[in-house]
Protein backbone atom coordinates (compact mmCIF):
# COMPACT_ATOMS: atom_id res chain seq x y z
CA MET A 1 -37.79 49.13 8.62
CA THR A 2 -38.58 45.56 7.45
CA VAL A 3 -41.46 43.83 8.76
CA SER A 4 -41.40 40.23 9.02
CA LEU A 5 -44.04 37.78 7.38
CA TRP A 6 -44.93 36.96 11.22
CA GLY A 7 -45.21 40.60 12.04
CA ARG A 8 -47.60 41.28 9.16
CA LEU A 9 -49.84 38.03 10.33
CA GLN A 10 -50.07 39.11 13.96
CA ARG A 11 -51.27 42.74 12.80
CA LEU A 12 -53.90 40.77 10.86
CA LEU A 13 -55.33 38.81 14.11
CA PRO A 14 -57.89 40.13 16.33
CA PHE A 15 -55.60 38.64 19.21
CA ARG A 16 -51.72 38.56 19.52
CA PRO A 17 -50.14 35.17 19.83
CA GLN A 18 -46.66 35.09 20.96
CA SER A 19 -45.52 32.64 18.51
CA LEU A 20 -46.47 30.30 15.34
CA SER A 21 -46.75 27.38 17.54
CA ALA A 22 -49.11 29.28 19.71
CA LEU A 23 -51.41 30.34 16.78
CA LEU A 24 -51.54 26.81 16.01
CA LEU A 25 -52.69 25.57 19.10
CA SER A 26 -55.33 28.03 19.74
CA CYS A 27 -56.83 26.62 16.19
CA VAL A 28 -56.58 23.13 17.06
CA ALA A 29 -57.33 23.40 20.86
CA PRO A 30 -61.35 23.78 20.38
CA VAL A 31 -61.18 20.07 18.34
CA LEU A 32 -58.34 18.34 20.92
CA PHE A 33 -60.12 19.64 24.27
CA ALA A 34 -64.01 19.79 23.25
CA SER A 35 -66.22 19.12 26.04
CA PRO A 36 -69.31 17.00 25.81
CA SER A 37 -72.50 18.32 27.07
CA LEU A 38 -76.18 17.12 27.64
CA GLN A 39 -79.26 18.50 25.96
CA LEU A 40 -82.69 17.44 27.33
CA GLN A 41 -84.65 15.93 24.58
CA SER A 42 -87.81 14.90 26.42
CA ILE A 43 -88.97 13.26 29.75
CA ILE A 44 -91.35 10.27 29.47
CA GLN A 45 -93.68 9.65 32.20
CA ASP A 46 -94.95 6.20 32.93
CA GLU A 47 -96.44 5.31 36.40
CA GLN A 48 -96.43 1.42 35.55
CA ASN A 49 -93.04 0.93 33.99
CA LEU A 50 -90.84 3.66 35.34
CA THR A 51 -91.71 3.98 38.90
CA TYR A 52 -88.33 4.09 41.02
CA VAL A 53 -86.05 2.49 38.24
CA VAL A 54 -82.77 1.33 39.92
CA ARG A 55 -80.79 -0.59 37.20
CA ALA A 56 -80.84 0.19 33.35
CA LYS A 57 -78.60 -1.66 31.19
CA ILE A 58 -77.88 -2.15 27.58
CA TYR A 59 -76.27 -5.52 26.76
CA GLU A 60 -73.87 -6.17 24.00
CA GLU A 61 -76.15 -9.47 23.10
CA HIS A 62 -79.00 -6.95 22.75
CA PRO A 63 -77.59 -3.70 21.73
CA ASP A 64 -81.11 -2.43 20.76
CA LEU A 65 -82.96 -3.45 24.33
CA LEU A 66 -83.03 -1.25 27.33
CA VAL A 67 -83.67 -3.44 30.39
CA LEU A 68 -85.08 -1.77 33.56
CA THR A 69 -85.49 -3.19 36.89
CA SER A 70 -87.63 -1.25 39.45
CA ARG A 71 -88.64 -1.32 42.79
CA GLY A 72 -92.02 0.28 42.29
CA ASP A 73 -94.03 2.51 44.78
CA HIS A 74 -93.07 1.68 48.33
CA GLU A 75 -96.13 3.13 49.50
CA ARG A 76 -98.20 0.61 47.62
CA GLY A 77 -96.06 -2.27 48.72
CA GLY A 78 -94.07 -2.63 45.35
CA SER A 79 -96.70 -1.90 43.07
CA GLU A 80 -95.55 -0.92 39.83
CA GLY A 81 -92.20 -2.74 40.64
CA GLY A 82 -90.64 -5.35 38.07
CA LEU A 83 -88.98 -5.56 34.77
CA SER A 84 -89.49 -3.42 31.56
CA LEU A 85 -88.09 -3.38 28.15
CA TYR A 86 -87.62 -0.78 26.05
CA ASP A 87 -86.57 -0.92 22.39
CA VAL A 88 -83.97 1.62 21.38
CA SER A 89 -83.30 1.06 17.97
CA SER A 90 -84.51 4.78 17.36
CA PRO A 91 -82.39 6.04 20.57
CA ALA A 92 -84.49 9.44 20.43
CA THR A 93 -87.51 7.63 21.17
CA PRO A 94 -87.71 4.50 23.50
CA THR A 95 -90.68 2.53 23.04
CA LEU A 96 -91.88 0.01 25.69
CA THR A 97 -91.86 -3.51 24.18
CA GLY A 98 -92.15 -5.83 27.19
CA ARG A 99 -93.01 -6.20 31.19
CA TRP A 100 -92.81 -8.62 33.84
CA TYR A 101 -93.26 -8.84 37.27
CA PRO A 102 -93.09 -11.72 39.70
CA GLU A 103 -96.28 -11.08 41.95
CA THR A 104 -99.64 -11.15 39.89
CA ALA A 105 -101.85 -11.85 42.62
CA LYS A 106 -104.35 -9.24 43.92
CA VAL A 107 -102.51 -8.60 47.14
CA SER A 108 -101.85 -5.17 48.89
CA LEU A 109 -98.25 -6.09 49.44
CA LYS A 110 -95.98 -7.23 46.54
CA ILE A 111 -92.75 -6.80 47.67
CA ASP A 112 -91.65 -9.38 45.38
CA ASN A 113 -91.90 -6.94 42.67
CA CYS A 114 -89.41 -4.74 44.14
CA MET A 115 -86.53 -5.54 42.04
CA GLU A 116 -83.01 -4.46 41.54
CA GLY A 117 -80.00 -6.30 40.30
CA GLN A 118 -80.01 -7.53 36.74
CA ALA A 119 -77.21 -9.81 34.41
CA LEU A 120 -77.24 -11.43 31.19
CA TRP A 121 -75.83 -14.28 29.48
CA GLY A 122 -76.89 -15.05 25.88
CA ASN A 123 -80.62 -14.74 25.90
CA TYR A 124 -81.13 -15.48 29.70
CA LEU A 125 -81.67 -12.85 32.28
CA ALA A 126 -81.05 -13.01 36.04
CA ALA A 127 -82.95 -10.54 38.06
CA LEU A 128 -83.21 -9.95 41.83
CA SER A 129 -86.18 -9.30 44.34
CA ILE A 130 -84.32 -7.03 46.57
CA TYR A 131 -86.50 -7.40 49.58
CA THR A 132 -87.65 -11.12 49.44
CA GLY A 133 -84.02 -12.37 48.36
CA LYS A 134 -85.18 -14.32 45.14
CA LEU A 135 -83.32 -14.86 41.94
CA HIS A 136 -85.54 -15.03 38.81
CA ILE A 137 -84.28 -16.44 35.49
CA LEU A 138 -86.27 -15.12 32.27
CA ASP A 139 -85.76 -15.88 28.64
CA ILE A 140 -85.74 -12.37 26.86
CA SER A 141 -84.99 -13.94 23.20
CA ASP A 142 -88.43 -12.32 22.02
CA PRO A 143 -88.74 -8.92 24.30
CA LYS A 144 -92.52 -9.07 23.66
CA LYS A 145 -93.14 -11.98 25.28
CA ILE A 146 -90.68 -12.70 28.15
CA GLY A 147 -90.57 -16.13 29.43
CA HIS A 148 -90.08 -16.96 33.08
CA LEU A 149 -87.95 -20.09 33.52
CA SER A 150 -87.37 -20.45 37.14
CA THR A 151 -87.45 -18.61 40.68
CA LEU A 152 -84.67 -19.55 43.50
CA PRO A 153 -85.42 -18.11 47.02
CA LEU A 154 -81.78 -17.51 48.37
CA ASP A 155 -80.66 -19.10 51.51
CA GLY A 156 -78.73 -17.30 54.28
CA VAL A 157 -79.29 -13.85 52.92
CA GLY A 158 -81.31 -12.52 56.00
CA VAL A 159 -84.77 -12.63 57.48
CA LEU A 160 -86.07 -9.06 57.37
CA PRO A 161 -87.90 -8.10 54.14
CA TYR A 162 -85.21 -5.31 53.67
CA PHE A 163 -82.13 -5.70 51.17
CA ARG A 164 -81.47 -9.31 50.92
CA ALA A 165 -80.26 -9.39 47.45
CA LEU A 166 -79.03 -6.16 45.68
CA HIS A 167 -76.78 -6.70 42.79
CA VAL A 168 -75.77 -9.51 40.41
CA LYS A 169 -73.13 -10.48 37.90
CA ILE A 170 -72.66 -13.63 35.98
CA TYR A 171 -69.26 -15.56 35.98
CA SER A 172 -68.48 -17.94 33.33
CA SER A 173 -65.75 -20.46 33.30
CA GLY A 174 -65.89 -23.35 30.58
CA LYS A 175 -69.18 -24.61 30.07
CA LYS A 176 -70.38 -23.44 33.39
CA ASN A 177 -72.35 -20.17 34.33
CA PHE A 178 -72.78 -18.67 37.87
CA ALA A 179 -74.81 -15.84 39.16
CA ILE A 180 -72.61 -13.85 41.86
CA ILE A 181 -75.08 -11.99 44.04
CA THR A 182 -74.66 -9.46 46.73
CA ALA A 183 -76.72 -9.76 49.96
CA PRO A 184 -76.37 -6.43 52.00
CA GLN A 185 -78.50 -7.74 55.00
CA ALA A 186 -76.07 -10.84 55.53
CA SER A 187 -72.93 -9.19 54.05
CA GLN A 188 -72.55 -12.56 52.04
CA LEU A 189 -71.32 -12.92 48.43
CA VAL A 190 -73.71 -15.56 46.93
CA ALA A 191 -73.01 -18.04 44.04
CA VAL A 192 -75.61 -19.98 42.49
CA ASP A 193 -75.20 -22.68 39.50
CA VAL A 194 -77.37 -21.22 36.69
CA THR A 195 -75.75 -23.29 34.03
CA ASP A 196 -79.19 -25.07 33.77
CA PRO A 197 -81.43 -21.73 33.67
CA LYS A 198 -84.73 -23.64 34.48
CA HIS A 199 -82.81 -25.47 37.60
CA PRO A 200 -80.69 -22.98 39.13
CA LYS A 201 -78.61 -24.42 42.65
CA GLN A 202 -77.21 -22.08 45.12
CA ILE A 203 -73.55 -23.60 45.63
CA ALA A 204 -71.76 -21.45 48.03
CA SER A 205 -71.40 -18.19 49.99
CA ILE A 206 -68.79 -15.98 51.62
CA ASP A 207 -68.88 -13.37 54.43
CA LEU A 208 -66.93 -10.20 53.15
CA GLY A 209 -66.95 -8.97 56.61
CA PHE A 210 -69.12 -5.64 56.52
CA SER A 211 -71.63 -4.88 59.18
CA PHE A 212 -75.06 -4.33 58.27
CA ILE A 213 -76.06 -3.65 61.90
CA PHE A 214 -73.50 -0.36 61.87
CA GLY A 215 -75.27 0.62 58.52
CA GLU A 216 -72.50 -1.23 56.09
CA GLY A 217 -74.53 -2.83 53.16
CA LEU A 218 -72.73 -5.18 50.64
CA GLU A 219 -73.52 -3.49 47.25
CA GLY A 220 -71.40 -3.00 44.38
CA VAL A 221 -69.82 -6.24 42.43
CA HIS A 222 -68.33 -6.28 39.15
CA VAL A 223 -66.82 -9.69 37.84
CA GLU A 224 -63.91 -9.57 35.55
CA GLY A 225 -62.09 -12.98 34.77
CA ASP A 226 -62.02 -15.14 37.87
CA HIS A 227 -62.29 -12.45 40.23
CA ALA A 228 -65.39 -10.31 42.01
CA TYR A 229 -64.71 -6.74 43.11
CA CYS A 230 -66.83 -5.87 45.83
CA GLY A 231 -67.92 -2.69 47.74
CA ALA A 232 -70.43 -1.67 50.46
CA PHE A 233 -72.56 1.63 51.18
CA HIS A 234 -71.33 3.52 53.89
CA GLY A 235 -68.31 1.32 53.66
CA ASN A 236 -64.53 1.95 53.27
CA ARG A 237 -63.22 -1.19 51.58
CA PHE A 238 -62.74 -2.52 48.42
CA VAL A 239 -62.72 -6.44 48.35
CA VAL A 240 -61.38 -8.70 45.89
CA VAL A 241 -62.85 -12.20 45.72
CA ASP A 242 -61.29 -15.01 43.70
CA LEU A 243 -64.14 -17.26 42.01
CA SER A 244 -62.21 -19.96 40.35
CA GLY A 245 -62.87 -22.71 42.67
CA LEU A 246 -66.54 -22.53 42.02
CA VAL A 247 -65.94 -24.91 39.26
CA GLN A 248 -64.40 -27.56 41.33
CA GLY A 249 -66.82 -26.91 44.02
CA LYS A 250 -64.44 -25.43 46.29
CA GLY A 251 -66.12 -21.96 46.86
CA MET A 252 -64.78 -18.65 46.88
CA LYS A 253 -62.03 -16.75 48.70
CA ILE A 254 -60.95 -13.23 49.62
CA VAL A 255 -57.33 -12.55 48.16
CA LYS A 256 -57.34 -8.67 48.61
CA THR A 257 -58.85 -5.74 50.52
CA LEU A 258 -57.84 -2.03 50.03
CA GLN A 259 -59.23 0.34 52.48
CA ASP A 260 -59.78 4.12 51.70
CA ASP A 261 -62.48 6.58 53.14
CA ALA A 262 -63.81 7.24 49.36
CA TYR A 263 -64.34 3.75 48.74
CA ASP A 264 -68.14 3.58 49.41
CA GLN A 265 -70.66 1.42 47.29
CA MET A 266 -68.23 1.07 44.53
CA VAL A 267 -70.30 -0.11 41.73
CA SER A 268 -67.98 -0.58 38.84
CA LEU A 269 -67.13 -0.62 35.11
CA LYS A 270 -64.40 -1.84 33.21
CA ASP A 271 -63.08 0.93 30.65
CA PRO A 272 -64.14 -0.17 27.10
CA ARG A 273 -61.50 1.26 25.35
CA ASP A 274 -58.68 -1.43 24.07
CA LYS A 275 -55.85 0.91 25.25
CA TYR A 276 -57.03 1.04 28.93
CA SER A 277 -59.06 -2.26 29.06
CA HIS A 278 -56.88 -3.31 32.25
CA ILE A 279 -58.75 -0.11 34.05
CA LEU A 280 -61.72 -0.61 36.16
CA TYR A 281 -63.66 2.51 37.49
CA SER A 282 -65.68 2.44 40.69
CA ALA A 283 -68.27 4.98 41.69
CA ALA A 284 -67.37 6.48 44.99
CA TRP A 285 -71.08 7.10 46.53
CA GLY A 286 -69.90 9.47 49.85
CA SER A 287 -70.03 13.11 50.35
CA PRO A 288 -67.90 13.96 48.68
CA GLY A 289 -67.91 11.32 46.11
CA GLY A 290 -66.56 10.78 42.60
CA VAL A 291 -64.92 7.95 40.74
CA VAL A 292 -61.65 5.99 41.17
CA ALA A 293 -59.76 4.12 38.74
CA PHE A 294 -57.75 0.97 39.39
CA ASP A 295 -55.02 -1.09 37.24
CA VAL A 296 -56.41 -4.51 37.40
CA SER A 297 -53.86 -6.17 35.10
CA ASN A 298 -52.88 -8.51 38.04
CA PRO A 299 -56.30 -9.34 39.01
CA SER A 300 -55.68 -10.17 42.76
CA GLU A 301 -53.82 -7.09 43.19
CA PRO A 302 -55.86 -3.98 41.99
CA LYS A 303 -53.77 -0.67 42.43
CA GLU A 304 -55.60 2.53 42.80
CA VAL A 305 -54.15 4.82 39.76
CA GLY A 306 -56.64 7.64 39.64
CA LYS A 307 -59.06 9.46 42.05
CA LEU A 308 -61.28 12.35 41.53
CA ILE A 309 -63.22 13.20 44.87
CA ASP A 310 -65.33 16.22 44.99
CA LYS A 311 -68.12 17.78 47.17
CA THR A 312 -69.93 18.43 43.80
CA LEU A 313 -69.64 14.87 42.95
CA SER A 314 -71.25 13.41 46.09
CA LYS A 315 -73.46 10.34 45.82
CA SER A 316 -71.95 9.35 42.24
CA ASN A 317 -73.87 6.24 41.63
CA ARG A 318 -74.10 3.69 38.57
CA ILE A 319 -71.42 5.37 36.04
CA LYS A 320 -71.62 4.65 32.41
CA MET A 321 -68.97 5.52 29.88
CA SER A 322 -68.90 6.71 26.30
CA GLY A 323 -65.63 7.65 24.38
CA ASN A 324 -63.26 9.29 26.72
CA THR A 325 -66.08 10.48 29.17
CA ILE A 326 -67.24 9.02 32.23
CA PHE A 327 -71.18 9.97 32.94
CA SER A 328 -72.12 9.72 36.66
CA PRO A 329 -75.88 9.81 38.04
CA MET A 330 -76.10 11.69 41.53
CA GLU A 331 -78.40 11.08 44.09
CA VAL A 332 -77.73 13.95 46.26
CA GLY A 333 -80.48 16.96 46.44
CA SER A 334 -82.50 17.24 43.29
CA GLY A 335 -79.61 15.08 41.60
CA GLY A 336 -78.35 15.35 38.09
CA VAL A 337 -75.28 14.00 35.93
CA SER A 338 -71.78 14.61 36.46
CA VAL A 339 -69.46 14.34 33.56
CA ILE A 340 -66.14 13.68 33.91
CA ASP A 341 -63.11 13.71 31.33
CA ALA A 342 -61.32 10.00 31.54
CA THR A 343 -59.08 10.65 28.51
CA ASP A 344 -56.21 9.70 30.93
CA PRO A 345 -57.45 7.40 33.70
CA THR A 346 -54.83 8.36 36.11
CA HIS A 347 -55.68 12.15 35.83
CA LEU A 348 -59.46 12.06 35.75
CA LYS A 349 -61.05 15.70 35.34
CA LYS A 350 -64.52 16.99 36.34
CA VAL A 351 -65.96 18.77 33.12
CA THR A 352 -69.40 19.88 34.32
CA THR A 353 -72.44 18.78 36.34
CA VAL A 354 -76.09 18.89 34.88
CA THR A 355 -78.65 19.52 37.33
CA ASN A 356 -82.35 20.89 37.57
CA ILE A 357 -83.17 18.37 34.59
CA HIS A 358 -86.99 19.53 34.00
CA ASP A 359 -89.13 20.15 30.81
CA ASP A 360 -91.97 22.71 30.25
CA LYS A 361 -94.58 20.36 31.36
CA GLY A 362 -93.54 20.36 35.02
CA HIS A 363 -91.69 16.94 34.86
CA SER A 364 -88.25 16.62 36.56
CA ILE A 365 -85.89 14.08 37.45
CA ALA A 366 -85.36 13.87 41.01
CA ALA A 367 -82.37 12.14 42.92
CA PRO A 368 -81.27 9.54 40.16
CA TYR A 369 -78.91 6.44 40.19
CA ALA A 370 -79.98 4.45 37.17
CA MET A 371 -78.62 5.37 33.78
CA ALA A 372 -78.08 3.86 30.17
CA ILE A 373 -76.37 5.06 27.16
CA LYS A 374 -77.08 4.30 23.33
CA ASP A 375 -75.15 5.81 20.54
CA ASP A 376 -75.23 9.62 21.27
CA TYR A 377 -77.95 9.48 23.71
CA LEU A 378 -78.41 9.18 27.52
CA TYR A 379 -81.23 7.84 29.43
CA LEU A 380 -81.52 9.09 33.20
CA PHE A 381 -84.18 7.73 35.74
CA GLY A 382 -85.52 9.63 38.62
CA THR A 383 -85.99 7.28 41.93
CA SER A 384 -89.15 9.43 41.93
CA GLY A 385 -91.45 10.89 39.58
CA ALA A 386 -91.91 7.53 37.41
CA ASN A 387 -89.98 9.20 34.70
CA MET A 388 -87.15 8.82 32.02
CA ALA A 389 -85.01 11.84 30.54
CA VAL A 390 -83.85 11.32 27.18
CA MET A 391 -80.99 13.49 26.54
CA LYS A 392 -78.55 14.06 23.62
CA ILE A 393 -74.80 13.86 24.33
CA SER A 394 -72.81 16.41 21.87
CA GLY A 395 -69.47 17.11 21.55
CA GLN A 396 -67.53 13.83 22.18
């Protein structure tokens, strides 16, 4: 009886592939479908600079600078809130390099220091005091010596010291720059001309129809081209606003509203890959929660093309992307990070969820919703505990 070469090869293997193609696939599959994983390197504790960090960003203009805005300690009226800058040129060891906060007087209540939204253009940083509704413009060209250029109290953003100004993005058109700000209490999208950073001017606002009285609060805003994409916490709508009229003094206008029970909060980011530069991802903050993908090839007519909603992804928040992977911090329970495969935006897949992030010194990350990524390192911030987890991303 003659035994084929394939038959002889089968006898030598510890398993029995049915064909040569199956054998080849078994060899390359671990490479093709390798799942990223996270390994905790350290947890940094800092009561002054890491108390309730709510936004963490690394901008293209300053790739070695981690920019943090924090609300601080609510029980102490915002003490320890403000802006902190970290040098991440050595990603495994972030180093504090600068700090700024609005309220310097020795008073018991420092709610100006409860800061949230931030956005950069050039060396100028726009940062918001969430409870007093103020826009601060800073020069961070020298991170060790942050320069305060101006502060503008916003009009028409509510009267209660609560959620008056939340997120901000920069819209640039020609030589003009505008800060586009969400004001939850008033359900207003506000535009401020920041072309002269020392003399900002509030020039327009538009009501997006969310009801703060019924628990909705205008939150997420992403600016792409001449359009802003907005959502609200406890909301169910994704609202598209045309910004092009700002340059001519014609204000803003709503051009599209999409509705779905999953469209909650909708803090968004654009896919950084050239192949998918027309894709916008939004974090769905509900329970269940997850990520929604939109095709924004036609900016005024976004189309949902992918969605991953799951109970284990509840309270997904300020998402970030590295390679083919979306990382989402989750506020629910003790919190953690969800890892989502976005190789194909139309077929988002959950890879894993990392929870119970703690070290052997008793430090743990609780209910995070701020996160940043530098190279192969992920930085995650708890909303309590005044800390930052440094985690290594492997297997991408």
